[in-house]
PDB file of N, CA and C in Angstrom:
ATOM      1  N   MET A   1       6.425   2.469  27.817  1.00  0.00           N
ATOM      2  CA  MET A   1       5.212   1.683  27.865  1.00  0.00           C
ATOM      3  C   MET A   1       5.354   0.478  26.939  1.00  0.00           C
ATOM      4  N   THR A   2       4.950  -0.646  27.393  1.00  0.00           N
ATOM      5  CA  THR A   2       5.009  -1.877  26.614  1.00  0.00           C
ATOM      6  C   THR A   2       3.745  -2.002  25.758  1.00  0.00           C
ATOM      7  N   LEU A   3       3.934  -2.426  24.530  1.00  0.00           N
ATOM      8  CA  LEU A   3       2.792  -2.641  23.641  1.00  0.00           C
ATOM      9  C   LEU A   3       2.015  -3.870  24.089  1.00  0.00           C
ATOM     10  N   THR A   4       0.701  -3.804  23.934  1.00  0.00           N
ATOM     11  CA  THR A   4      -0.116  -4.978  24.238  1.00  0.00           C
ATOM     12  C   THR A   4       0.070  -6.007  23.117  1.00  0.00           C
ATOM     13  N   THR A   5      -0.355  -7.205  23.375  1.00  0.00           N
ATOM     14  CA  THR A   5      -0.275  -8.257  22.350  1.00  0.00           C
ATOM     15  C   THR A   5      -1.108  -7.853  21.128  1.00  0.00           C
ATOM     16  N   LEU A   6      -2.267  -7.267  21.361  1.00  0.00           N
ATOM     17  CA  LEU A   6      -3.122  -6.826  20.250  1.00  0.00           C
ATOM     18  C   LEU A   6      -2.425  -5.743  19.429  1.00  0.00           C
ATOM     19  N   GLU A   7      -1.817  -4.767  20.098  1.00  0.00           N
ATOM     20  CA  GLU A   7      -1.122  -3.707  19.367  1.00  0.00           C
ATOM     21  C   GLU A   7       0.032  -4.278  18.547  1.00  0.00           C
ATOM     22  N   GLN A   8       0.777  -5.190  19.127  1.00  0.00           N
ATOM     23  CA  GLN A   8       1.898  -5.796  18.406  1.00  0.00           C
ATOM     24  C   GLN A   8       1.402  -6.564  17.183  1.00  0.00           C
ATOM     25  N   THR A   9       0.285  -7.261  17.339  1.00  0.00           N
ATOM     26  CA  THR A   9      -0.306  -8.003  16.217  1.00  0.00           C
ATOM     27  C   THR A   9      -0.751  -7.050  15.109  1.00  0.00           C
ATOM     28  N   LEU A  10      -1.405  -5.953  15.490  1.00  0.00           N
ATOM     29  CA  LEU A  10      -1.840  -4.968  14.492  1.00  0.00           C
ATOM     30  C   LEU A  10      -0.648  -4.367  13.760  1.00  0.00           C
ATOM     31  N   LEU A  11       0.406  -4.042  14.493  1.00  0.00           N
ATOM     32  CA  LEU A  11       1.612  -3.487  13.874  1.00  0.00           C
ATOM     33  C   LEU A  11       2.271  -4.506  12.951  1.00  0.00           C
ATOM     34  N   ASN A  12       2.347  -5.748  13.375  1.00  0.00           N
ATOM     35  CA  ASN A  12       2.940  -6.792  12.532  1.00  0.00           C
ATOM     36  C   ASN A  12       2.134  -6.973  11.248  1.00  0.00           C
ATOM     37  N   ASN A  13       0.807  -6.937  11.368  1.00  0.00           N
ATOM     38  CA  ASN A  13      -0.038  -7.062  10.173  1.00  0.00           C
ATOM     39  C   ASN A  13       0.147  -5.867   9.243  1.00  0.00           C
ATOM     40  N   ALA A  14       0.251  -4.678   9.797  1.00  0.00           N
ATOM     41  CA  ALA A  14       0.473  -3.486   8.972  1.00  0.00           C
ATOM     42  C   ALA A  14       1.818  -3.584   8.250  1.00  0.00           C
ATOM     43  N   ARG A  15       2.854  -4.044   8.950  1.00  0.00           N
ATOM     44  CA  ARG A  15       4.174  -4.211   8.304  1.00  0.00           C
ATOM     45  C   ARG A  15       4.109  -5.241   7.183  1.00  0.00           C
ATOM     46  N   LYS A  16       3.387  -6.328   7.422  1.00  0.00           N
ATOM     47  CA  LYS A  16       3.236  -7.373   6.404  1.00  0.00           C
ATOM     48  C   LYS A  16       2.544  -6.804   5.164  1.00  0.00           C
ATOM     49  N   HIS A  17       1.450  -6.087   5.379  1.00  0.00           N
ATOM     50  CA  HIS A  17       0.737  -5.470   4.250  1.00  0.00           C
ATOM     51  C   HIS A  17       1.635  -4.466   3.535  1.00  0.00           C
ATOM     52  N   GLN A  18       2.395  -3.685   4.275  1.00  0.00           N
ATOM     53  CA  GLN A  18       3.255  -2.682   3.654  1.00  0.00           C
ATOM     54  C   GLN A  18       4.314  -3.346   2.780  1.00  0.00           C
ATOM     55  N   LYS A  19       4.882  -4.452   3.233  1.00  0.00           N
ATOM     56  CA  LYS A  19       5.872  -5.176   2.415  1.00  0.00           C
ATOM     57  C   LYS A  19       5.230  -5.733   1.153  1.00  0.00           C
ATOM     58  N   GLU A  20       4.010  -6.236   1.275  1.00  0.00           N
ATOM     59  CA  GLU A  20       3.299  -6.749   0.106  1.00  0.00           C
ATOM     60  C   GLU A  20       2.998  -5.619  -0.881  1.00  0.00           C
ATOM     61  N   LEU A  21       2.610  -4.468  -0.368  1.00  0.00           N
ATOM     62  CA  LEU A  21       2.349  -3.323  -1.246  1.00  0.00           C
ATOM     63  C   LEU A  21       3.620  -2.874  -1.948  1.00  0.00           C
ATOM     64  N   ALA A  22       4.731  -2.830  -1.222  1.00  0.00           N
ATOM     65  CA  ALA A  22       6.006  -2.426  -1.834  1.00  0.00           C
ATOM     66  C   ALA A  22       6.380  -3.393  -2.955  1.00  0.00           C
ATOM     67  N   ALA A  23       6.143  -4.677  -2.744  1.00  0.00           N
ATOM     68  CA  ALA A  23       6.433  -5.669  -3.783  1.00  0.00           C
ATOM     69  C   ALA A  23       5.521  -5.437  -4.999  1.00  0.00           C
ATOM     70  N   PHE A  24       4.268  -5.085  -4.750  1.00  0.00           N
ATOM     71  CA  PHE A  24       3.359  -4.792  -5.850  1.00  0.00           C
ATOM     72  C   PHE A  24       3.826  -3.561  -6.624  1.00  0.00           C
ATOM     73  N   TYR A  25       4.248  -2.513  -5.913  1.00  0.00           N
ATOM     74  CA  TYR A  25       4.713  -1.304  -6.585  1.00  0.00           C
ATOM     75  C   TYR A  25       5.864  -1.651  -7.531  1.00  0.00           C
ATOM     76  N   ALA A  26       6.791  -2.462  -7.045  1.00  0.00           N
ATOM     77  CA  ALA A  26       7.938  -2.847  -7.868  1.00  0.00           C
ATOM     78  C   ALA A  26       7.495  -3.679  -9.069  1.00  0.00           C
ATOM     79  N   LYS A  27       6.628  -4.653  -8.820  1.00  0.00           N
ATOM     80  CA  LYS A  27       6.201  -5.529  -9.915  1.00  0.00           C
ATOM     81  C   LYS A  27       5.369  -4.771 -10.942  1.00  0.00           C
ATOM     82  N   SER A  28       4.640  -3.743 -10.499  1.00  0.00           N
ATOM     83  CA  SER A  28       3.817  -2.985 -11.443  1.00  0.00           C
ATOM     84  C   SER A  28       4.678  -2.309 -12.500  1.00  0.00           C
ATOM     85  N   GLN A  29       5.931  -2.068 -12.192  1.00  0.00           N
ATOM     86  CA  GLN A  29       6.842  -1.445 -13.149  1.00  0.00           C
ATOM     87  C   GLN A  29       7.220  -2.394 -14.282  1.00  0.00           C
ATOM     88  N   THR A  30       7.094  -3.689 -14.060  1.00  0.00           N
ATOM     89  CA  THR A  30       7.498  -4.667 -15.062  1.00  0.00           C
ATOM     90  C   THR A  30       6.416  -4.914 -16.112  1.00  0.00           C
ATOM     91  N   GLY A  31       5.184  -4.510 -15.794  1.00  0.00           N
ATOM     92  CA  GLY A  31       4.081  -4.773 -16.708  1.00  0.00           C
ATOM     93  C   GLY A  31       3.635  -6.221 -16.677  1.00  0.00           C
ATOM     94  N   GLN A  32       4.023  -6.948 -15.651  1.00  0.00           N
ATOM     95  CA  GLN A  32       3.720  -8.377 -15.566  1.00  0.00           C
ATOM     96  C   GLN A  32       2.544  -8.690 -14.646  1.00  0.00           C
ATOM     97  N   LEU A  33       1.705  -7.726 -14.360  1.00  0.00           N
ATOM     98  CA  LEU A  33       0.585  -7.939 -13.450  1.00  0.00           C
ATOM     99  C   LEU A  33      -0.627  -8.481 -14.185  1.00  0.00           C
ATOM    100  N   ASN A  34      -1.329  -9.390 -13.526  1.00  0.00           N
ATOM    101  CA  ASN A  34      -2.579  -9.872 -14.100  1.00  0.00           C
ATOM    102  C   ASN A  34      -3.733  -9.435 -13.195  1.00  0.00           C
ATOM    103  N   GLU A  35      -4.929  -9.758 -13.589  1.00  0.00           N
ATOM    104  CA  GLU A  35      -6.116  -9.312 -12.860  1.00  0.00           C
ATOM    105  C   GLU A  35      -6.154  -9.863 -11.434  1.00  0.00           C
ATOM    106  N   GLU A  36      -5.745 -11.098 -11.262  1.00  0.00           N
ATOM    107  CA  GLU A  36      -5.733 -11.704  -9.921  1.00  0.00           C
ATOM    108  C   GLU A  36      -4.766 -10.964  -8.996  1.00  0.00           C
ATOM    109  N   GLU A  37      -3.607 -10.615  -9.517  1.00  0.00           N
ATOM    110  CA  GLU A  37      -2.632  -9.874  -8.709  1.00  0.00           C
ATOM    111  C   GLU A  37      -3.154  -8.481  -8.367  1.00  0.00           C
ATOM    112  N   HIS A  38      -3.862  -7.873  -9.291  1.00  0.00           N
ATOM    113  CA  HIS A  38      -4.435  -6.562  -9.011  1.00  0.00           C
ATOM    114  C   HIS A  38      -5.508  -6.674  -7.935  1.00  0.00           C
ATOM    115  N   THR A  39      -6.299  -7.738  -7.964  1.00  0.00           N
ATOM    116  CA  THR A  39      -7.300  -7.975  -6.916  1.00  0.00           C
ATOM    117  C   THR A  39      -6.619  -8.167  -5.574  1.00  0.00           C
ATOM    118  N   ASP A  40      -5.544  -8.945  -5.558  1.00  0.00           N
ATOM    119  CA  ASP A  40      -4.776  -9.139  -4.318  1.00  0.00           C
ATOM    120  C   ASP A  40      -4.257  -7.814  -3.793  1.00  0.00           C
ATOM    121  N   TYR A  41      -3.772  -6.974  -4.697  1.00  0.00           N
ATOM    122  CA  TYR A  41      -3.295  -5.647  -4.310  1.00  0.00           C
ATOM    123  C   TYR A  41      -4.420  -4.843  -3.664  1.00  0.00           C
ATOM    124  N   SER A  42      -5.596  -4.863  -4.284  1.00  0.00           N
ATOM    125  CA  SER A  42      -6.729  -4.096  -3.761  1.00  0.00           C
ATOM    126  C   SER A  42      -7.104  -4.546  -2.356  1.00  0.00           C
ATOM    127  N   LEU A  43      -7.114  -5.848  -2.141  1.00  0.00           N
ATOM    128  CA  LEU A  43      -7.423  -6.374  -0.809  1.00  0.00           C
ATOM    129  C   LEU A  43      -6.356  -5.982   0.205  1.00  0.00           C
ATOM    130  N   CYS A  44      -5.112  -6.092  -0.197  1.00  0.00           N
ATOM    131  CA  CYS A  44      -4.001  -5.740   0.687  1.00  0.00           C
ATOM    132  C   CYS A  44      -4.045  -4.253   1.022  1.00  0.00           C
ATOM    133  N   CYS A  45      -4.300  -3.445   0.031  1.00  0.00           N
ATOM    134  CA  CYS A  45      -4.360  -1.994   0.218  1.00  0.00           C
ATOM    135  C   CYS A  45      -5.497  -1.629   1.171  1.00  0.00           C
ATOM    136  N   GLY A  46      -6.633  -2.274   1.026  1.00  0.00           N
ATOM    137  CA  GLY A  46      -7.763  -2.015   1.910  1.00  0.00           C
ATOM    138  C   GLY A  46      -7.448  -2.373   3.353  1.00  0.00           C
ATOM    139  N   GLY A  47      -6.837  -3.543   3.542  1.00  0.00           N
ATOM    140  CA  GLY A  47      -6.451  -3.959   4.887  1.00  0.00           C
ATOM    141  C   GLY A  47      -5.433  -3.018   5.497  1.00  0.00           C
ATOM    142  N   PHE A  48      -4.468  -2.614   4.688  1.00  0.00           N
ATOM    143  CA  PHE A  48      -3.428  -1.701   5.151  1.00  0.00           C
ATOM    144  C   PHE A  48      -4.042  -0.367   5.574  1.00  0.00           C
ATOM    145  N   THR A  49      -4.939   0.152   4.762  1.00  0.00           N
ATOM    146  CA  THR A  49      -5.580   1.428   5.053  1.00  0.00           C
ATOM    147  C   THR A  49      -6.359   1.366   6.364  1.00  0.00           C
ATOM    148  N   GLU A  50      -7.073   0.279   6.575  1.00  0.00           N
ATOM    149  CA  GLU A  50      -7.836   0.132   7.816  1.00  0.00           C
ATOM    150  C   GLU A  50      -6.907   0.076   9.029  1.00  0.00           C
ATOM    151  N   LEU A  51      -5.806  -0.637   8.904  1.00  0.00           N
ATOM    152  CA  LEU A  51      -4.858  -0.705  10.030  1.00  0.00           C
ATOM    153  C   LEU A  51      -4.243   0.668  10.311  1.00  0.00           C
ATOM    154  N   ILE A  52      -3.842   1.361   9.265  1.00  0.00           N
ATOM    155  CA  ILE A  52      -3.235   2.686   9.432  1.00  0.00           C
ATOM    156  C   ILE A  52      -4.235   3.663  10.042  1.00  0.00           C
ATOM    157  N   SER A  53      -5.496   3.529   9.690  1.00  0.00           N
ATOM    158  CA  SER A  53      -6.506   4.458  10.218  1.00  0.00           C
ATOM    159  C   SER A  53      -6.614   4.379  11.736  1.00  0.00           C
ATOM    160  N   LEU A  54      -6.211   3.266  12.317  1.00  0.00           N
ATOM    161  CA  LEU A  54      -6.252   3.138  13.776  1.00  0.00           C
ATOM    162  C   LEU A  54      -5.362   4.167  14.462  1.00  0.00           C
ATOM    163  N   ALA A  55      -4.327   4.617  13.778  1.00  0.00           N
ATOM    164  CA  ALA A  55      -3.419   5.613  14.354  1.00  0.00           C
ATOM    165  C   ALA A  55      -3.960   7.028  14.212  1.00  0.00           C
ATOM    166  N   LEU A  56      -4.961   7.199  13.381  1.00  0.00           N
ATOM    167  CA  LEU A  56      -5.459   8.541  13.086  1.00  0.00           C
ATOM    168  C   LEU A  56      -6.676   8.934  13.922  1.00  0.00           C
ATOM    169  N   TYR A  57      -7.341   7.973  14.496  1.00  0.00           N
ATOM    170  CA  TYR A  57      -8.556   8.229  15.256  1.00  0.00           C
ATOM    171  C   TYR A  57      -8.378   7.739  16.686  1.00  0.00           C
ATOM    172  N   ASN A  58      -9.301   8.068  17.531  1.00  0.00           N
ATOM    173  CA  ASN A  58      -9.247   7.635  18.923  1.00  0.00           C
ATOM    174  C   ASN A  58      -9.648   6.159  18.989  1.00  0.00           C
ATOM    175  N   SER A  59      -8.738   5.305  18.555  1.00  0.00           N
ATOM    176  CA  SER A  59      -9.035   3.879  18.422  1.00  0.00           C
ATOM    177  C   SER A  59      -8.681   3.072  19.657  1.00  0.00           C
ATOM    178  N   GLY A  60      -7.967   3.680  20.572  1.00  0.00           N
ATOM    179  CA  GLY A  60      -7.527   2.949  21.750  1.00  0.00           C
ATOM    180  C   GLY A  60      -6.084   2.499  21.660  1.00  0.00           C
ATOM    181  N   LEU A  61      -5.418   2.757  20.519  1.00  0.00           N
ATOM    182  CA  LEU A  61      -3.988   2.452  20.433  1.00  0.00           C
ATOM    183  C   LEU A  61      -3.231   3.345  21.409  1.00  0.00           C
ATOM    184  N   SER A  62      -2.204   2.787  22.002  1.00  0.00           N
ATOM    185  CA  SER A  62      -1.352   3.591  22.874  1.00  0.00           C
ATOM    186  C   SER A  62      -0.594   4.608  22.025  1.00  0.00           C
ATOM    187  N   PRO A  63      -0.103   5.672  22.639  1.00  0.00           N
ATOM    188  CA  PRO A  63       0.688   6.647  21.874  1.00  0.00           C
ATOM    189  C   PRO A  63       1.881   5.994  21.170  1.00  0.00           C
ATOM    190  N   GLU A  64       2.546   5.054  21.829  1.00  0.00           N
ATOM    191  CA  GLU A  64       3.694   4.378  21.222  1.00  0.00           C
ATOM    192  C   GLU A  64       3.277   3.581  19.989  1.00  0.00           C
ATOM    193  N   ALA A  65       2.165   2.851  20.092  1.00  0.00           N
ATOM    194  CA  ALA A  65       1.683   2.066  18.951  1.00  0.00           C
ATOM    195  C   ALA A  65       1.256   2.993  17.808  1.00  0.00           C
ATOM    196  N   SER A  66       0.646   4.134  18.135  1.00  0.00           N
ATOM    197  CA  SER A  66       0.244   5.097  17.107  1.00  0.00           C
ATOM    198  C   SER A  66       1.454   5.639  16.361  1.00  0.00           C
ATOM    199  N   VAL A  67       2.512   5.955  17.090  1.00  0.00           N
ATOM    200  CA  VAL A  67       3.739   6.452  16.455  1.00  0.00           C
ATOM    201  C   VAL A  67       4.305   5.395  15.514  1.00  0.00           C
ATOM    202  N   GLN A  68       4.350   4.153  15.955  1.00  0.00           N
ATOM    203  CA  GLN A  68       4.873   3.085  15.100  1.00  0.00           C
ATOM    204  C   GLN A  68       4.000   2.871  13.869  1.00  0.00           C
ATOM    205  N   MET A  69       2.679   2.953  14.035  1.00  0.00           N
ATOM    206  CA  MET A  69       1.773   2.772  12.900  1.00  0.00           C
ATOM    207  C   MET A  69       1.973   3.906  11.895  1.00  0.00           C
ATOM    208  N   LYS A  70       2.143   5.120  12.388  1.00  0.00           N
ATOM    209  CA  LYS A  70       2.379   6.256  11.486  1.00  0.00           C
ATOM    210  C   LYS A  70       3.713   6.101  10.757  1.00  0.00           C
ATOM    211  N   GLN A  71       4.701   5.486  11.401  1.00  0.00           N
ATOM    212  CA  GLN A  71       5.986   5.243  10.748  1.00  0.00           C
ATOM    213  C   GLN A  71       5.825   4.211   9.627  1.00  0.00           C
ATOM    214  N   ILE A  72       5.018   3.205   9.862  1.00  0.00           N
ATOM    215  CA  ILE A  72       4.748   2.204   8.822  1.00  0.00           C
ATOM    216  C   ILE A  72       4.067   2.875   7.629  1.00  0.00           C
ATOM    217  N   GLU A  73       3.140   3.779   7.911  1.00  0.00           N
ATOM    218  CA  GLU A  73       2.493   4.526   6.828  1.00  0.00           C
ATOM    219  C   GLU A  73       3.528   5.341   6.056  1.00  0.00           C
ATOM    220  N   GLN A  74       4.443   5.998   6.763  1.00  0.00           N
ATOM    221  CA  GLN A  74       5.479   6.794   6.107  1.00  0.00           C
ATOM    222  C   GLN A  74       6.386   5.905   5.253  1.00  0.00           C
ATOM    223  N   ASP A  75       6.701   4.711   5.753  1.00  0.00           N
ATOM    224  CA  ASP A  75       7.506   3.763   4.972  1.00  0.00           C
ATOM    225  C   ASP A  75       6.811   3.406   3.668  1.00  0.00           C
ATOM    226  N   ASP A  76       5.483   3.253   3.724  1.00  0.00           N
ATOM    227  CA  ASP A  76       4.737   2.934   2.513  1.00  0.00           C
ATOM    228  C   ASP A  76       4.756   4.108   1.540  1.00  0.00           C
ATOM    229  N   ILE A  77       4.627   5.306   2.052  1.00  0.00           N
ATOM    230  CA  ILE A  77       4.679   6.494   1.195  1.00  0.00           C
ATOM    231  C   ILE A  77       6.030   6.567   0.488  1.00  0.00           C
ATOM    232  N   GLU A  78       7.092   6.300   1.215  1.00  0.00           N
ATOM    233  CA  GLU A  78       8.437   6.335   0.617  1.00  0.00           C
ATOM    234  C   GLU A  78       8.596   5.241  -0.434  1.00  0.00           C
ATOM    235  N   ALA A  79       8.063   4.058  -0.177  1.00  0.00           N
ATOM    236  CA  ALA A  79       8.139   2.979  -1.164  1.00  0.00           C
ATOM    237  C   ALA A  79       7.366   3.354  -2.419  1.00  0.00           C
ATOM    238  N   LEU A  80       6.199   3.934  -2.244  1.00  0.00           N
ATOM    239  CA  LEU A  80       5.393   4.335  -3.395  1.00  0.00           C
ATOM    240  C   LEU A  80       6.101   5.398  -4.221  1.00  0.00           C
ATOM    241  N   LYS A  81       6.767   6.333  -3.570  1.00  0.00           N
ATOM    242  CA  LYS A  81       7.481   7.389  -4.287  1.00  0.00           C
ATOM    243  C   LYS A  81       8.587   6.841  -5.189  1.00  0.00           C
ATOM    244  N   LEU A  82       9.137   5.687  -4.829  1.00  0.00           N
ATOM    245  CA  LEU A  82      10.176   5.082  -5.668  1.00  0.00           C
ATOM    246  C   LEU A  82       9.631   4.682  -7.034  1.00  0.00           C
ATOM    247  N   TYR A  83       8.347   4.347  -7.079  1.00  0.00           N
ATOM    248  CA  TYR A  83       7.763   3.817  -8.304  1.00  0.00           C
ATOM    249  C   TYR A  83       6.744   4.727  -8.970  1.00  0.00           C
ATOM    250  N   ARG A  84       6.228   5.687  -8.241  1.00  0.00           N
ATOM    251  CA  ARG A  84       5.254   6.618  -8.803  1.00  0.00           C
ATOM    252  C   ARG A  84       5.716   8.034  -8.500  1.00  0.00           C
ATOM    253  N   PRO A  85       6.041   8.806  -9.523  1.00  0.00           N
ATOM    254  CA  PRO A  85       6.503  10.165  -9.269  1.00  0.00           C
ATOM    255  C   PRO A  85       5.421  11.016  -8.621  1.00  0.00           C
ATOM    256  N   VAL A  86       5.845  11.961  -7.844  1.00  0.00           N
ATOM    257  CA  VAL A  86       4.941  12.896  -7.186  1.00  0.00           C
ATOM    258  C   VAL A  86       4.578  13.996  -8.180  1.00  0.00           C
ATOM    259  N   GLU A  87       3.362  14.492  -8.066  1.00  0.00           N
ATOM    260  CA  GLU A  87       2.897  15.549  -8.971  1.00  0.00           C
ATOM    261  C   GLU A  87       3.836  16.746  -8.909  1.00  0.00           C
ATOM    262  N   ASP A  88       4.149  17.264 -10.070  1.00  0.00           N
ATOM    263  CA  ASP A  88       4.955  18.472 -10.171  1.00  0.00           C
ATOM    264  C   ASP A  88       4.006  19.652  -9.976  1.00  0.00           C
ATOM    265  N   SER A  89       4.112  20.323  -8.829  1.00  0.00           N
ATOM    266  CA  SER A  89       3.163  21.385  -8.501  1.00  0.00           C
ATOM    267  C   SER A  89       3.262  22.565  -9.454  1.00  0.00           C
ATOM    268  N   LYS A  90       4.409  22.771 -10.088  1.00  0.00           N
ATOM    269  CA  LYS A  90       4.555  23.905 -11.006  1.00  0.00           C
ATOM    270  C   LYS A  90       3.895  23.628 -12.350  1.00  0.00           C
ATOM    271  N   SER A  91       4.078  22.420 -12.870  1.00  0.00           N
ATOM    272  CA  SER A  91       3.514  22.120 -14.184  1.00  0.00           C
ATOM    273  C   SER A  91       2.123  21.506 -14.091  1.00  0.00           C
ATOM    274  N   GLY A  92       1.744  21.031 -12.900  1.00  0.00           N
ATOM    275  CA  GLY A  92       0.442  20.390 -12.749  1.00  0.00           C
ATOM    276  C   GLY A  92       0.387  19.005 -13.350  1.00  0.00           C
ATOM    277  N   ASN A  93       1.552  18.398 -13.599  1.00  0.00           N
ATOM    278  CA  ASN A  93       1.615  17.059 -14.173  1.00  0.00           C
ATOM    279  C   ASN A  93       0.967  16.068 -13.213  1.00  0.00           C
ATOM    280  N   LYS A  94      -0.058  15.386 -13.693  1.00  0.00           N
ATOM    281  CA  LYS A  94      -0.752  14.412 -12.864  1.00  0.00           C
ATOM    282  C   LYS A  94      -0.574  12.996 -13.406  1.00  0.00           C
ATOM    283  N   ASP A  95       0.491  12.756 -14.172  1.00  0.00           N
ATOM    284  CA  ASP A  95       0.718  11.436 -14.750  1.00  0.00           C
ATOM    285  C   ASP A  95       0.860  10.358 -13.687  1.00  0.00           C
ATOM    286  N   PHE A  96       1.233  10.752 -12.476  1.00  0.00           N
ATOM    287  CA  PHE A  96       1.413   9.764 -11.425  1.00  0.00           C
ATOM    288  C   PHE A  96       0.087   9.094 -11.062  1.00  0.00           C
ATOM    289  N   LEU A  97      -1.031   9.693 -11.448  1.00  0.00           N
ATOM    290  CA  LEU A  97      -2.326   9.109 -11.148  1.00  0.00           C
ATOM    291  C   LEU A  97      -2.687   7.974 -12.109  1.00  0.00           C
ATOM    292  N   LYS A  98      -2.020   7.924 -13.255  1.00  0.00           N
ATOM    293  CA  LYS A  98      -2.322   6.902 -14.249  1.00  0.00           C
ATOM    294  C   LYS A  98      -1.518   5.641 -13.942  1.00  0.00           C
ATOM    295  N   PRO A  99      -2.088   4.469 -14.243  1.00  0.00           N
ATOM    296  CA  PRO A  99      -1.307   3.244 -14.051  1.00  0.00           C
ATOM    297  C   PRO A  99      -0.046   3.289 -14.908  1.00  0.00           C
ATOM    298  N   VAL A 100       1.021   2.723 -14.375  1.00  0.00           N
ATOM    299  CA  VAL A 100       2.272   2.695 -15.122  1.00  0.00           C
ATOM    300  C   VAL A 100       2.110   1.805 -16.345  1.00  0.00           C
ATOM    301  N   ARG A 101       1.467   0.686 -16.174  1.00  0.00           N
ATOM    302  CA  ARG A 101       1.201  -0.238 -17.278  1.00  0.00           C
ATOM    303  C   ARG A 101      -0.211  -0.787 -17.113  1.00  0.00           C
ATOM    304  N   ALA A 102      -0.796  -1.199 -18.184  1.00  0.00           N
ATOM    305  CA  ALA A 102      -2.140  -1.763 -18.123  1.00  0.00           C
ATOM    306  C   ALA A 102      -2.111  -3.101 -17.382  1.00  0.00           C
ATOM    307  N   ILE A 103      -3.177  -3.383 -16.687  1.00  0.00           N
ATOM    308  CA  ILE A 103      -3.314  -4.663 -15.986  1.00  0.00           C
ATOM    309  C   ILE A 103      -3.764  -5.706 -16.997  1.00  0.00           C
ATOM    310  N   GLU A 104      -3.071  -6.827 -17.016  1.00  0.00           N
ATOM    311  CA  GLU A 104      -3.419  -7.909 -17.928  1.00  0.00           C
ATOM    312  C   GLU A 104      -4.452  -8.822 -17.271  1.00  0.00           C
ATOM    313  N   PRO A 105      -5.466  -9.294 -18.005  1.00  0.00           N
ATOM    314  CA  PRO A 105      -6.441 -10.210 -17.412  1.00  0.00           C
ATOM    315  C   PRO A 105      -5.757 -11.504 -16.978  1.00  0.00           C
ATOM    316  N   ALA A 106      -6.279 -12.109 -15.910  1.00  0.00           N
ATOM    317  CA  ALA A 106      -5.719 -13.356 -15.400  1.00  0.00           C
ATOM    318  C   ALA A 106      -5.880 -14.491 -16.403  1.00  0.00           C
ATOM    319  N   ASN A 107      -7.019 -14.546 -17.073  1.00  0.00           N
ATOM    320  CA  ASN A 107      -7.304 -15.586 -18.058  1.00  0.00           C
ATOM    321  C   ASN A 107      -7.715 -14.937 -19.355  1.00  0.00           C
ATOM    322  N   PRO A 108      -6.745 -14.469 -20.137  1.00  0.00           N
ATOM    323  CA  PRO A 108      -7.114 -13.780 -21.379  1.00  0.00           C
ATOM    324  C   PRO A 108      -7.884 -14.723 -22.322  1.00  0.00           C
ATOM    325  N   THR A 109      -8.883 -14.160 -22.969  1.00  0.00           N
ATOM    326  CA  THR A 109      -9.656 -14.958 -23.922  1.00  0.00           C
ATOM    327  C   THR A 109      -9.104 -14.664 -25.308  1.00  0.00           C
ATOM    328  N   THR A 110      -9.178 -15.647 -26.154  1.00  0.00           N
ATOM    329  CA  THR A 110      -8.717 -15.482 -27.529  1.00  0.00           C
ATOM    330  C   THR A 110      -9.922 -15.343 -28.431  1.00  0.00           C
ATOM    331  N   LYS A 111      -9.795 -14.486 -29.417  1.00  0.00           N
ATOM    332  CA  LYS A 111     -10.867 -14.294 -30.392  1.00  0.00           C
ATOM    333  C   LYS A 111     -10.586 -15.190 -31.596  1.00  0.00           C
ATOM    334  N   ASN A 112     -11.626 -15.798 -32.086  1.00  0.00           N
ATOM    335  CA  ASN A 112     -11.497 -16.653 -33.274  1.00  0.00           C
ATOM    336  C   ASN A 112     -11.803 -15.865 -34.506  1.00  0.00           C
TER     337      ASN A 112
END
């Protein structure tokens, strides 16, 4: 089955968001993030989540498009695992839920 133009566009947008998220995951390790970049991440993450949700519900995506969307989601999970460890089920370590580094404000103010 051939993907419709709309399905291809949705998949392309999901891939674009996933690449942006992967770049954010990597940059978050450097501690060089500012508030504006964190806002961009939040917007990208929201858009990505909405696109991925189309594969989970009866949204009208073809089975082929749903499979591809789920693969994009899996790619994002794998990218995230590179930068955020998974909880250790034996020890209950939940450190992966904490930010790796604090977010720096975009325009830090100085105190006199």
